[in-house]
C-alpha cells in the first residue's frame, strides 16, 4: 500500500528563515551603527549637528528596521508560495537567506540615508 501524500509545507521555511535572519541582521547592524558611527565621526554632533538629530536618527533606524523586517515577511511569503511545490527544504532555506540578504542590503542603504549629514 502506498504511503499517503502529505501536502508540502516546506514553503513555510522560506518566510521563517527570511524573517528571523533579517531581524537578527537588523539588530546587529543597528547596534553596530549606534556605537560605530558616532565614534568614527567624533560624536553625534559631528554627524548631524545636535544631539536631538542623533535621537532622530535612532528613531529613523528603528522605523527602517521594522519596515525591512515587515517587507522580508511579505517577500518570504510570496517567494515561498511561488515555490510551494518544491519539496527540498535546503532550497527553501537558501531562498529564505536570499530574502534576508536583499532585505539587509536595503537596510544598509536606508541606514546611509538616515546617517547622511543634514545640510
PDB file of N, CA and C in Angstrom:
ATOM      1  N   UNK A   1       0.839  -1.168   0.000  1.00  0.00           N
ATOM      2  CA  UNK A   1       0.000   0.000   0.000  1.00  0.00           C
ATOM      3  C   UNK A   1       0.892   1.242   0.000  1.00  0.00           C
ATOM      4  N   UNK A   2       0.529   2.183  -0.828  1.00  0.00           N
ATOM      5  CA  UNK A   2       1.325   3.395  -0.973  1.00  0.00           C
ATOM      6  C   UNK A   2       1.108   4.327   0.221  1.00  0.00           C
ATOM      7  N   UNK A   3       2.169   5.004   0.544  1.00  0.00           N
ATOM      8  CA  UNK A   3       2.095   5.962   1.636  1.00  0.00           C
ATOM      9  C   UNK A   3       1.275   7.174   1.188  1.00  0.00           C
ATOM     10  N   UNK A   4       0.373   7.688   2.027  1.00  0.00           N
ATOM     11  CA  UNK A   4      -0.436   8.836   1.613  1.00  0.00           C
ATOM     12  C   UNK A   4       0.450  10.065   1.396  1.00  0.00           C
ATOM     13  N   UNK A   5       0.097  10.814   0.379  1.00  0.00           N
ATOM     14  CA  UNK A   5       0.886  12.002   0.016  1.00  0.00           C
ATOM     15  C   UNK A   5       0.562  13.133   0.989  1.00  0.00           C
ATOM     16  N   UNK A   6       1.601  13.646   1.612  1.00  0.00           N
ATOM     17  CA  UNK A   6       1.431  14.760   2.534  1.00  0.00           C
ATOM     18  C   UNK A   6       1.551  16.067   1.766  1.00  0.00           C
ATOM     19  N   UNK A   7       0.788  17.084   2.128  1.00  0.00           N
ATOM     20  CA  UNK A   7       0.926  18.364   1.441  1.00  0.00           C
ATOM     21  C   UNK A   7       2.279  18.985   1.788  1.00  0.00           C
ATOM     22  N   UNK A   8       2.936  19.583   0.808  1.00  0.00           N
ATOM     23  CA  UNK A   8       4.250  20.182   1.090  1.00  0.00           C
ATOM     24  C   UNK A   8       4.108  21.412   1.978  1.00  0.00           C
ATOM     25  N   UNK A   9       4.791  21.385   3.104  1.00  0.00           N
ATOM     26  CA  UNK A   9       4.781  22.543   3.989  1.00  0.00           C
ATOM     27  C   UNK A   9       6.160  23.188   4.045  1.00  0.00           C
ATOM     28  N   UNK A  10       7.050  22.735   3.180  1.00  0.00           N
ATOM     29  CA  UNK A  10       8.396  23.301   3.144  1.00  0.00           C
ATOM     30  C   UNK A  10       8.420  24.766   2.751  1.00  0.00           C
ATOM     31  N   UNK A  11       7.362  25.227   2.080  1.00  0.00           N
ATOM     32  CA  UNK A  11       7.337  26.636   1.683  1.00  0.00           C
ATOM     33  C   UNK A  11       7.293  27.552   2.898  1.00  0.00           C
ATOM     34  N   UNK A  12       6.860  27.053   4.044  1.00  0.00           N
ATOM     35  CA  UNK A  12       6.835  27.864   5.260  1.00  0.00           C
ATOM     36  C   UNK A  12       8.232  28.176   5.780  1.00  0.00           C
ATOM     37  N   UNK A  13       9.194  27.365   5.370  1.00  0.00           N
ATOM     38  CA  UNK A  13      10.571  27.573   5.825  1.00  0.00           C
ATOM     39  C   UNK A  13      11.128  28.878   5.264  1.00  0.00           C
ATOM     40  N   UNK A  14      10.787  29.222   4.026  1.00  0.00           N
ATOM     41  CA  UNK A  14      11.342  30.417   3.389  1.00  0.00           C
ATOM     42  C   UNK A  14      11.004  31.691   4.162  1.00  0.00           C
ATOM     43  N   UNK A  15       9.734  31.986   4.465  1.00  0.00           N
ATOM     44  CA  UNK A  15       9.483  33.215   5.222  1.00  0.00           C
ATOM     45  C   UNK A  15      10.016  33.156   6.652  1.00  0.00           C
ATOM     46  N   UNK A  16      10.008  31.957   7.245  1.00  0.00           N
ATOM     47  CA  UNK A  16      10.510  31.830   8.610  1.00  0.00           C
ATOM     48  C   UNK A  16      11.999  32.155   8.678  1.00  0.00           C
ATOM     49  N   UNK A  17      12.779  31.557   7.788  1.00  0.00           N
ATOM     50  CA  UNK A  17      14.217  31.824   7.751  1.00  0.00           C
ATOM     51  C   UNK A  17      14.477  33.279   7.362  1.00  0.00           C
ATOM     52  N   UNK A  18      13.709  33.785   6.389  1.00  0.00           N
ATOM     53  CA  UNK A  18      13.897  35.163   5.941  1.00  0.00           C
ATOM     54  C   UNK A  18      13.650  36.176   7.041  1.00  0.00           C
ATOM     55  N   UNK A  19      12.577  36.007   7.783  1.00  0.00           N
ATOM     56  CA  UNK A  19      12.236  36.973   8.832  1.00  0.00           C
ATOM     57  C   UNK A  19      13.193  36.878  10.014  1.00  0.00           C
ATOM     58  N   UNK A  20      13.495  35.677  10.454  1.00  0.00           N
ATOM     59  CA  UNK A  20      14.396  35.533  11.603  1.00  0.00           C
ATOM     60  C   UNK A  20      15.785  36.046  11.266  1.00  0.00           C
ATOM     61  N   UNK A  21      16.294  35.698  10.096  1.00  0.00           N
ATOM     62  CA  UNK A  21      17.620  36.167   9.691  1.00  0.00           C
ATOM     63  C   UNK A  21      17.644  37.681   9.521  1.00  0.00           C
ATOM     64  N   UNK A  22      16.599  38.230   8.946  1.00  0.00           N
ATOM     65  CA  UNK A  22      16.535  39.679   8.767  1.00  0.00           C
ATOM     66  C   UNK A  22      16.470  40.385  10.117  1.00  0.00           C
ATOM     67  N   UNK A  23      15.668  39.883  11.037  1.00  0.00           N
ATOM     68  CA  UNK A  23      15.558  40.507  12.355  1.00  0.00           C
ATOM     69  C   UNK A  23      16.897  40.466  13.100  1.00  0.00           C
ATOM     70  N   UNK A  24      17.585  39.342  13.031  1.00  0.00           N
ATOM     71  CA  UNK A  24      18.897  39.249  13.677  1.00  0.00           C
ATOM     72  C   UNK A  24      19.904  40.190  13.010  1.00  0.00           C
ATOM     73  N   UNK A  25      19.899  40.232  11.686  1.00  0.00           N
ATOM     74  CA  UNK A  25      20.816  41.102  10.961  1.00  0.00           C
ATOM     75  C   UNK A  25      20.553  42.572  11.217  1.00  0.00           C
ATOM     76  N   UNK A  26      19.284  42.960  11.260  1.00  0.00           N
ATOM     77  CA  UNK A  26      18.934  44.359  11.538  1.00  0.00           C
ATOM     78  C   UNK A  26      19.373  44.736  12.949  1.00  0.00           C
ATOM     79  N   UNK A  27      19.197  43.823  13.892  1.00  0.00           N
ATOM     80  CA  UNK A  27      19.625  44.097  15.264  1.00  0.00           C
ATOM     81  C   UNK A  27      21.134  44.300  15.340  1.00  0.00           C
ATOM     82  N   UNK A  28      21.881  43.436  14.690  1.00  0.00           N
ATOM     83  CA  UNK A  28      23.342  43.560  14.694  1.00  0.00           C
ATOM     84  C   UNK A  28      23.774  44.859  14.008  1.00  0.00           C
ATOM     85  N   UNK A  29      23.191  45.157  12.853  1.00  0.00           N
ATOM     86  CA  UNK A  29      23.546  46.390  12.149  1.00  0.00           C
ATOM     87  C   UNK A  29      23.159  47.628  12.952  1.00  0.00           C
ATOM     88  N   UNK A  30      22.001  47.614  13.583  1.00  0.00           N
ATOM     89  CA  UNK A  30      21.563  48.759  14.379  1.00  0.00           C
ATOM     90  C   UNK A  30      22.507  49.007  15.551  1.00  0.00           C
ATOM     91  N   UNK A  31      22.813  47.957  16.303  1.00  0.00           N
ATOM     92  CA  UNK A  31      23.688  48.115  17.459  1.00  0.00           C
ATOM     93  C   UNK A  31      25.103  48.500  17.031  1.00  0.00           C
ATOM     94  N   UNK A  32      25.553  47.927  15.924  1.00  0.00           N
ATOM     95  CA  UNK A  32      26.877  48.295  15.421  1.00  0.00           C
ATOM     96  C   UNK A  32      26.944  49.751  14.989  1.00  0.00           C
ATOM     97  N   UNK A  33      25.918  50.213  14.312  1.00  0.00           N
ATOM     98  CA  UNK A  33      25.900  51.611  13.881  1.00  0.00           C
ATOM     99  C   UNK A  33      25.771  52.567  15.060  1.00  0.00           C
ATOM    100  N   UNK A  34      24.986  52.191  16.036  1.00  0.00           N
ATOM    101  CA  UNK A  34      24.776  53.057  17.189  1.00  0.00           C
ATOM    102  C   UNK A  34      26.081  53.333  17.927  1.00  0.00           C
ATOM    103  N   UNK A  35      26.987  52.387  17.894  1.00  0.00           N
ATOM    104  CA  UNK A  35      28.280  52.588  18.557  1.00  0.00           C
ATOM    105  C   UNK A  35      29.376  53.051  17.611  1.00  0.00           C
ATOM    106  N   UNK A  36      29.374  52.528  16.395  1.00  0.00           N
ATOM    107  CA  UNK A  36      30.491  52.772  15.494  1.00  0.00           C
ATOM    108  C   UNK A  36      30.439  54.125  14.794  1.00  0.00           C
ATOM    109  N   UNK A  37      29.293  54.527  14.281  1.00  0.00           N
ATOM    110  CA  UNK A  37      29.215  55.765  13.503  1.00  0.00           C
ATOM    111  C   UNK A  37      29.562  56.986  14.349  1.00  0.00           C
ATOM    112  N   UNK A  38      28.976  57.180  15.535  1.00  0.00           N
ATOM    113  CA  UNK A  38      29.379  58.344  16.325  1.00  0.00           C
ATOM    114  C   UNK A  38      30.852  58.309  16.736  1.00  0.00           C
ATOM    115  N   UNK A  39      31.370  57.121  17.015  1.00  0.00           N
ATOM    116  CA  UNK A  39      32.771  57.002  17.400  1.00  0.00           C
ATOM    117  C   UNK A  39      33.689  57.385  16.241  1.00  0.00           C
ATOM    118  N   UNK A  40      33.361  56.929  15.032  1.00  0.00           N
ATOM    119  CA  UNK A  40      34.178  57.269  13.865  1.00  0.00           C
ATOM    120  C   UNK A  40      34.114  58.750  13.528  1.00  0.00           C
ATOM    121  N   UNK A  41      32.973  59.370  13.758  1.00  0.00           N
ATOM    122  CA  UNK A  41      32.798  60.779  13.419  1.00  0.00           C
ATOM    123  C   UNK A  41      33.239  61.704  14.542  1.00  0.00           C
ATOM    124  N   UNK A  42      33.561  61.171  15.703  1.00  0.00           N
ATOM    125  CA  UNK A  42      33.966  62.012  16.812  1.00  0.00           C
ATOM    126  C   UNK A  42      32.796  62.558  17.607  1.00  0.00           C
ATOM    127  N   UNK A  43      31.688  61.886  17.565  1.00  0.00           N
ATOM    128  CA  UNK A  43      30.497  62.298  18.309  1.00  0.00           C
ATOM    129  C   UNK A  43      29.315  62.507  17.385  1.00  0.00           C
ATOM    130  N   UNK A  44      28.124  62.405  17.960  1.00  0.00           N
ATOM    131  CA  UNK A  44      26.911  62.573  17.173  1.00  0.00           C
ATOM    132  C   UNK A  44      26.818  63.990  16.624  1.00  0.00           C
ATOM    133  N   UNK A  45      27.327  64.962  17.384  1.00  0.00           N
ATOM    134  CA  UNK A  45      27.251  66.356  16.946  1.00  0.00           C
ATOM    135  C   UNK A  45      28.001  66.583  15.637  1.00  0.00           C
ATOM    136  N   UNK A  46      29.053  65.837  15.403  1.00  0.00           N
ATOM    137  CA  UNK A  46      29.807  65.981  14.162  1.00  0.00           C
ATOM    138  C   UNK A  46      29.092  65.356  12.969  1.00  0.00           C
ATOM    139  N   UNK A  47      28.177  64.451  13.234  1.00  0.00           N
ATOM    140  CA  UNK A  47      27.433  63.818  12.147  1.00  0.00           C
ATOM    141  C   UNK A  47      26.283  64.705  11.711  1.00  0.00           C
ATOM    142  N   UNK A  48      25.486  65.152  12.672  1.00  0.00           N
ATOM    143  CA  UNK A  48      24.305  65.913  12.281  1.00  0.00           C
ATOM    144  C   UNK A  48      24.132  67.238  13.001  1.00  0.00           C
ATOM    145  N   UNK A  49      25.005  67.640  13.820  1.00  0.00           N
ATOM    146  CA  UNK A  49      24.933  68.981  14.400  1.00  0.00           C
ATOM    147  C   UNK A  49      24.445  69.039  15.837  1.00  0.00           C
ATOM    148  N   UNK A  50      23.413  68.293  16.192  1.00  0.00           N
ATOM    149  CA  UNK A  50      22.882  68.331  17.552  1.00  0.00           C
ATOM    150  C   UNK A  50      22.632  66.915  18.052  1.00  0.00           C
ATOM    151  N   UNK A  51      22.486  66.823  19.364  1.00  0.00           N
ATOM    152  CA  UNK A  51      22.185  65.528  19.958  1.00  0.00           C
ATOM    153  C   UNK A  51      20.766  65.102  19.581  1.00  0.00           C
ATOM    154  N   UNK A  52      19.855  66.071  19.461  1.00  0.00           N
ATOM    155  CA  UNK A  52      18.488  65.748  19.065  1.00  0.00           C
ATOM    156  C   UNK A  52      18.450  65.081  17.697  1.00  0.00           C
ATOM    157  N   UNK A  53      19.330  65.490  16.812  1.00  0.00           N
ATOM    158  CA  UNK A  53      19.401  64.862  15.497  1.00  0.00           C
ATOM    159  C   UNK A  53      19.817  63.401  15.634  1.00  0.00           C
ATOM    160  N   UNK A  54      20.732  63.127  16.553  1.00  0.00           N
ATOM    161  CA  UNK A  54      21.137  61.745  16.798  1.00  0.00           C
ATOM    162  C   UNK A  54      19.992  60.903  17.309  1.00  0.00           C
ATOM    163  N   UNK A  55      19.140  61.490  18.144  1.00  0.00           N
ATOM    164  CA  UNK A  55      17.957  60.782  18.611  1.00  0.00           C
ATOM    165  C   UNK A  55      17.012  60.511  17.446  1.00  0.00           C
ATOM    166  N   UNK A  56      16.877  61.484  16.564  1.00  0.00           N
ATOM    167  CA  UNK A  56      16.039  61.309  15.376  1.00  0.00           C
ATOM    168  C   UNK A  56      16.566  60.218  14.461  1.00  0.00           C
ATOM    169  N   UNK A  57      17.883  60.146  14.329  1.00  0.00           N
ATOM    170  CA  UNK A  57      18.477  59.087  13.502  1.00  0.00           C
ATOM    171  C   UNK A  57      18.193  57.726  14.118  1.00  0.00           C
ATOM    172  N   UNK A  58      18.275  57.618  15.433  1.00  0.00           N
ATOM    173  CA  UNK A  58      17.976  56.357  16.101  1.00  0.00           C
ATOM    174  C   UNK A  58      16.537  55.919  15.889  1.00  0.00           C
ATOM    175  N   UNK A  59      15.606  56.860  15.994  1.00  0.00           N
ATOM    176  CA  UNK A  59      14.203  56.535  15.763  1.00  0.00           C
ATOM    177  C   UNK A  59      13.985  56.139  14.312  1.00  0.00           C
ATOM    178  N   UNK A  60      14.645  56.855  13.405  1.00  0.00           N
ATOM    179  CA  UNK A  60      14.536  56.531  11.985  1.00  0.00           C
ATOM    180  C   UNK A  60      15.096  55.144  11.681  1.00  0.00           C
ATOM    181  N   UNK A  61      16.209  54.788  12.308  1.00  0.00           N
ATOM    182  CA  UNK A  61      16.783  53.452  12.106  1.00  0.00           C
ATOM    183  C   UNK A  61      15.863  52.364  12.656  1.00  0.00           C
ATOM    184  N   UNK A  62      15.204  52.630  13.784  1.00  0.00           N
ATOM    185  CA  UNK A  62      14.243  51.656  14.317  1.00  0.00           C
ATOM    186  C   UNK A  62      13.062  51.487  13.361  1.00  0.00           C
ATOM    187  N   UNK A  63      12.567  52.605  12.821  1.00  0.00           N
ATOM    188  CA  UNK A  63      11.463  52.536  11.863  1.00  0.00           C
ATOM    189  C   UNK A  63      11.879  51.769  10.614  1.00  0.00           C
ATOM    190  N   UNK A  64      13.070  52.071  10.100  1.00  0.00           N
ATOM    191  CA  UNK A  64      13.561  51.355   8.912  1.00  0.00           C
ATOM    192  C   UNK A  64      13.723  49.871   9.204  1.00  0.00           C
ATOM    193  N   UNK A  65      14.179  49.518  10.405  1.00  0.00           N
ATOM    194  CA  UNK A  65      14.311  48.114  10.780  1.00  0.00           C
ATOM    195  C   UNK A  65      12.978  47.401  10.778  1.00  0.00           C
ATOM    196  N   UNK A  66      11.962  48.038  11.353  1.00  0.00           N
ATOM    197  CA  UNK A  66      10.621  47.453  11.344  1.00  0.00           C
ATOM    198  C   UNK A  66      10.114  47.294   9.915  1.00  0.00           C
ATOM    199  N   UNK A  67      10.335  48.312   9.102  1.00  0.00           N
ATOM    200  CA  UNK A  67       9.895  48.286   7.705  1.00  0.00           C
ATOM    201  C   UNK A  67      10.570  47.149   6.932  1.00  0.00           C
ATOM    202  N   UNK A  68      11.857  46.985   7.121  1.00  0.00           N
ATOM    203  CA  UNK A  68      12.607  45.954   6.396  1.00  0.00           C
ATOM    204  C   UNK A  68      12.183  44.551   6.849  1.00  0.00           C
ATOM    205  N   UNK A  69      11.967  44.351   8.130  1.00  0.00           N
ATOM    206  CA  UNK A  69      11.531  43.039   8.614  1.00  0.00           C
ATOM    207  C   UNK A  69      10.123  42.730   8.094  1.00  0.00           C
ATOM    208  N   UNK A  70       9.270  43.727   8.055  1.00  0.00           N
ATOM    209  CA  UNK A  70       7.916  43.530   7.506  1.00  0.00           C
ATOM    210  C   UNK A  70       7.968  43.177   6.021  1.00  0.00           C
ATOM    211  N   UNK A  71       8.821  43.878   5.288  1.00  0.00           N
ATOM    212  CA  UNK A  71       8.969  43.580   3.855  1.00  0.00           C
ATOM    213  C   UNK A  71       9.569  42.195   3.639  1.00  0.00           C
ATOM    214  N   UNK A  72      10.473  41.773   4.527  1.00  0.00           N
ATOM    215  CA  UNK A  72      11.047  40.431   4.427  1.00  0.00           C
ATOM    216  C   UNK A  72       9.974  39.373   4.657  1.00  0.00           C
ATOM    217  N   UNK A  73       9.035  39.651   5.544  1.00  0.00           N
ATOM    218  CA  UNK A  73       7.946  38.702   5.779  1.00  0.00           C
ATOM    219  C   UNK A  73       7.071  38.568   4.537  1.00  0.00           C
ATOM    220  N   UNK A  74       6.733  39.700   3.935  1.00  0.00           N
ATOM    221  CA  UNK A  74       5.907  39.659   2.728  1.00  0.00           C
ATOM    222  C   UNK A  74       6.656  38.979   1.585  1.00  0.00           C
ATOM    223  N   UNK A  75       7.913  39.379   1.379  1.00  0.00           N
ATOM    224  CA  UNK A  75       8.699  38.799   0.282  1.00  0.00           C
ATOM    225  C   UNK A  75       8.935  37.307   0.499  1.00  0.00           C
ATOM    226  N   UNK A  76       9.239  36.902   1.730  1.00  0.00           N
ATOM    227  CA  UNK A  76       9.444  35.489   2.014  1.00  0.00           C
ATOM    228  C   UNK A  76       8.194  34.662   1.781  1.00  0.00           C
ATOM    229  N   UNK A  77       7.041  35.224   2.139  1.00  0.00           N
ATOM    230  CA  UNK A  77       5.783  34.518   1.914  1.00  0.00           C
ATOM    231  C   UNK A  77       5.493  34.378   0.425  1.00  0.00           C
ATOM    232  N   UNK A  78       5.721  35.455  -0.323  1.00  0.00           N
ATOM    233  CA  UNK A  78       5.478  35.399  -1.770  1.00  0.00           C
ATOM    234  C   UNK A  78       6.411  34.397  -2.440  1.00  0.00           C
ATOM    235  N   UNK A  79       7.690  34.456  -2.092  1.00  0.00           N
ATOM    236  CA  UNK A  79       8.658  33.520  -2.687  1.00  0.00           C
ATOM    237  C   UNK A  79       8.326  32.088  -2.283  1.00  0.00           C
ATOM    238  N   UNK A  80       7.974  31.877  -1.019  1.00  0.00           N
ATOM    239  CA  UNK A  80       7.629  30.539  -0.560  1.00  0.00           C
ATOM    240  C   UNK A  80       6.396  29.984  -1.249  1.00  0.00           C
ATOM    241  N   UNK A  81       5.393  30.822  -1.420  1.00  0.00           N
ATOM    242  CA  UNK A  81       4.171  30.357  -2.085  1.00  0.00           C
ATOM    243  C   UNK A  81       4.391  30.083  -3.565  1.00  0.00           C
ATOM    244  N   UNK A  82       5.242  30.863  -4.191  1.00  0.00           N
ATOM    245  CA  UNK A  82       5.533  30.624  -5.611  1.00  0.00           C
ATOM    246  C   UNK A  82       6.272  29.305  -5.810  1.00  0.00           C
ATOM    247  N   UNK A  83       7.016  28.859  -4.811  1.00  0.00           N
ATOM    248  CA  UNK A  83       7.785  27.611  -4.896  1.00  0.00           C
ATOM    249  C   UNK A  83       7.226  26.544  -3.965  1.00  0.00           C
ATOM    250  N   UNK A  84       5.932  26.573  -3.701  1.00  0.00           N
ATOM    251  CA  UNK A  84       5.364  25.659  -2.702  1.00  0.00           C
ATOM    252  C   UNK A  84       5.417  24.194  -3.113  1.00  0.00           C
ATOM    253  N   UNK A  85       5.553  23.908  -4.402  1.00  0.00           N
ATOM    254  CA  UNK A  85       5.612  22.511  -4.839  1.00  0.00           C
ATOM    255  C   UNK A  85       7.008  21.909  -4.699  1.00  0.00           C
ATOM    256  N   UNK A  86       7.999  22.736  -4.418  1.00  0.00           N
ATOM    257  CA  UNK A  86       9.362  22.246  -4.226  1.00  0.00           C
ATOM    258  C   UNK A  86       9.457  21.616  -2.846  1.00  0.00           C
ATOM    259  N   UNK A  87       9.834  20.338  -2.801  1.00  0.00           N
ATOM    260  CA  UNK A  87       9.879  19.627  -1.521  1.00  0.00           C
ATOM    261  C   UNK A  87      11.266  19.627  -0.885  1.00  0.00           C
ATOM    262  N   UNK A  88      12.249  20.236  -1.538  1.00  0.00           N
ATOM    263  CA  UNK A  88      13.605  20.269  -0.993  1.00  0.00           C
ATOM    264  C   UNK A  88      13.709  21.413   0.016  1.00  0.00           C
ATOM    265  N   UNK A  89      13.866  21.056   1.283  1.00  0.00           N
ATOM    266  CA  UNK A  89      13.920  22.065   2.339  1.00  0.00           C
ATOM    267  C   UNK A  89      15.205  22.886   2.300  1.00  0.00           C
ATOM    268  N   UNK A  90      16.280  22.313   1.773  1.00  0.00           N
ATOM    269  CA  UNK A  90      17.535  23.063   1.680  1.00  0.00           C
ATOM    270  C   UNK A  90      17.394  24.250   0.740  1.00  0.00           C
ATOM    271  N   UNK A  91      16.683  24.051  -0.362  1.00  0.00           N
ATOM    272  CA  UNK A  91      16.446  25.166  -1.280  1.00  0.00           C
ATOM    273  C   UNK A  91      15.540  26.211  -0.648  1.00  0.00           C
ATOM    274  N   UNK A  92      14.605  25.773   0.175  1.00  0.00           N
ATOM    275  CA  UNK A  92      13.728  26.719   0.874  1.00  0.00           C
ATOM    276  C   UNK A  92      14.537  27.587   1.846  1.00  0.00           C
ATOM    277  N   UNK A  93      15.497  26.968   2.529  1.00  0.00           N
ATOM    278  CA  UNK A  93      16.360  27.728   3.431  1.00  0.00           C
ATOM    279  C   UNK A  93      17.205  28.718   2.639  1.00  0.00           C
ATOM    280  N   UNK A  94      17.745  28.283   1.503  1.00  0.00           N
ATOM    281  CA  UNK A  94      18.545  29.199   0.667  1.00  0.00           C
ATOM    282  C   UNK A  94      17.710  30.360   0.158  1.00  0.00           C
ATOM    283  N   UNK A  95      16.474  30.082  -0.210  1.00  0.00           N
ATOM    284  CA  UNK A  95      15.597  31.176  -0.652  1.00  0.00           C
ATOM    285  C   UNK A  95      15.326  32.147   0.499  1.00  0.00           C
ATOM    286  N   UNK A  96      15.139  31.636   1.695  1.00  0.00           N
ATOM    287  CA  UNK A  96      14.945  32.493   2.861  1.00  0.00           C
ATOM    288  C   UNK A  96      16.165  33.336   3.164  1.00  0.00           C
ATOM    289  N   UNK A  97      17.345  32.745   3.013  1.00  0.00           N
ATOM    290  CA  UNK A  97      18.576  33.511   3.220  1.00  0.00           C
ATOM    291  C   UNK A  97      18.773  34.566   2.135  1.00  0.00           C
ATOM    292  N   UNK A  98      18.327  34.271   0.917  1.00  0.00           N
ATOM    293  CA  UNK A  98      18.396  35.273  -0.154  1.00  0.00           C
ATOM    294  C   UNK A  98      17.465  36.448   0.151  1.00  0.00           C
ATOM    295  N   UNK A  99      16.275  36.157   0.642  1.00  0.00           N
ATOM    296  CA  UNK A  99      15.348  37.224   1.035  1.00  0.00           C
ATOM    297  C   UNK A  99      15.979  38.072   2.142  1.00  0.00           C
ATOM    298  N   UNK A 100      16.594  37.423   3.114  1.00  0.00           N
ATOM    299  CA  UNK A 100      17.241  38.149   4.212  1.00  0.00           C
ATOM    300  C   UNK A 100      18.408  38.987   3.700  1.00  0.00           C
ATOM    301  N   UNK A 101      19.185  38.441   2.783  1.00  0.00           N
ATOM    302  CA  UNK A 101      20.313  39.187   2.240  1.00  0.00           C
ATOM    303  C   UNK A 101      19.882  40.456   1.520  1.00  0.00           C
ATOM    304  N   UNK A 102      18.872  40.336   0.672  1.00  0.00           N
ATOM    305  CA  UNK A 102      18.371  41.522  -0.035  1.00  0.00           C
ATOM    306  C   UNK A 102      17.752  42.517   0.945  1.00  0.00           C
ATOM    307  N   UNK A 103      17.072  42.016   1.962  1.00  0.00           N
ATOM    308  CA  UNK A 103      16.470  42.908   2.957  1.00  0.00           C
ATOM    309  C   UNK A 103      17.536  43.647   3.754  1.00  0.00           C
ATOM    310  N   UNK A 104      18.597  42.962   4.113  1.00  0.00           N
ATOM    311  CA  UNK A 104      19.674  43.612   4.864  1.00  0.00           C
ATOM    312  C   UNK A 104      20.433  44.612   3.990  1.00  0.00           C
ATOM    313  N   UNK A 105      20.543  44.321   2.708  1.00  0.00           N
ATOM    314  CA  UNK A 105      21.139  45.302   1.801  1.00  0.00           C
ATOM    315  C   UNK A 105      20.280  46.565   1.748  1.00  0.00           C
ATOM    316  N   UNK A 106      18.967  46.393   1.701  1.00  0.00           N
ATOM    317  CA  UNK A 106      18.057  47.541   1.716  1.00  0.00           C
ATOM    318  C   UNK A 106      18.197  48.319   3.022  1.00  0.00           C
ATOM    319  N   UNK A 107      18.342  47.623   4.149  1.00  0.00           N
ATOM    320  CA  UNK A 107      18.513  48.301   5.430  1.00  0.00           C
ATOM    321  C   UNK A 107      19.827  49.069   5.472  1.00  0.00           C
ATOM    322  N   UNK A 108      20.868  48.509   4.908  1.00  0.00           N
ATOM    323  CA  UNK A 108      22.151  49.213   4.879  1.00  0.00           C
ATOM    324  C   UNK A 108      22.041  50.499   4.057  1.00  0.00           C
ATOM    325  N   UNK A 109      21.359  50.444   2.931  1.00  0.00           N
ATOM    326  CA  UNK A 109      21.168  51.650   2.114  1.00  0.00           C
ATOM    327  C   UNK A 109      20.324  52.673   2.873  1.00  0.00           C
ATOM    328  N   UNK A 110      19.260  52.220   3.519  1.00  0.00           N
ATOM    329  CA  UNK A 110      18.430  53.135   4.302  1.00  0.00           C
ATOM    330  C   UNK A 110      19.193  53.712   5.492  1.00  0.00           C
ATOM    331  N   UNK A 111      20.138  52.964   6.041  1.00  0.00           N
ATOM    332  CA  UNK A 111      20.954  53.470   7.138  1.00  0.00           C
ATOM    333  C   UNK A 111      21.867  54.593   6.673  1.00  0.00           C
ATOM    334  N   UNK A 112      22.410  54.444   5.475  1.00  0.00           N
ATOM    335  CA  UNK A 112      23.240  55.521   4.925  1.00  0.00           C
ATOM    336  C   UNK A 112      22.395  56.772   4.742  1.00  0.00           C
ATOM    337  N   UNK A 113      21.168  56.601   4.275  1.00  0.00           N
ATOM    338  CA  UNK A 113      20.265  57.744   4.117  1.00  0.00           C
ATOM    339  C   UNK A 113      19.977  58.380   5.477  1.00  0.00           C
ATOM    340  N   UNK A 114      19.772  57.563   6.502  1.00  0.00           N
ATOM    341  CA  UNK A 114      19.465  58.109   7.834  1.00  0.00           C
ATOM    342  C   UNK A 114      20.646  58.857   8.442  1.00  0.00           C
ATOM    343  N   UNK A 115      21.863  58.359   8.223  1.00  0.00           N
ATOM    344  CA  UNK A 115      23.045  58.999   8.799  1.00  0.00           C
ATOM    345  C   UNK A 115      23.603  60.128   7.936  1.00  0.00           C
ATOM    346  N   UNK A 116      23.053  60.299   6.746  1.00  0.00           N
ATOM    347  CA  UNK A 116      23.595  61.328   5.860  1.00  0.00           C
ATOM    348  C   UNK A 116      23.546  62.683   6.572  1.00  0.00           C
ATOM    349  N   UNK A 117      24.645  63.427   6.560  1.00  0.00           N
ATOM    350  CA  UNK A 117      24.667  64.714   7.275  1.00  0.00           C
ATOM    351  C   UNK A 117      23.599  65.681   6.741  1.00  0.00           C
ATOM    352  N   UNK A 118      22.929  66.296   7.682  1.00  0.00           N
ATOM    353  CA  UNK A 118      21.886  67.250   7.310  1.00  0.00           C
ATOM    354  C   UNK A 118      22.529  68.586   6.946  1.00  0.00           C
ATOM    355  N   UNK A 119      22.096  69.147   5.838  1.00  0.00           N
ATOM    356  CA  UNK A 119      22.680  70.421   5.384  1.00  0.00           C
ATOM    357  C   UNK A 119      22.010  71.593   6.064  1.00  0.00           C
TER     358      UNK A 119
END
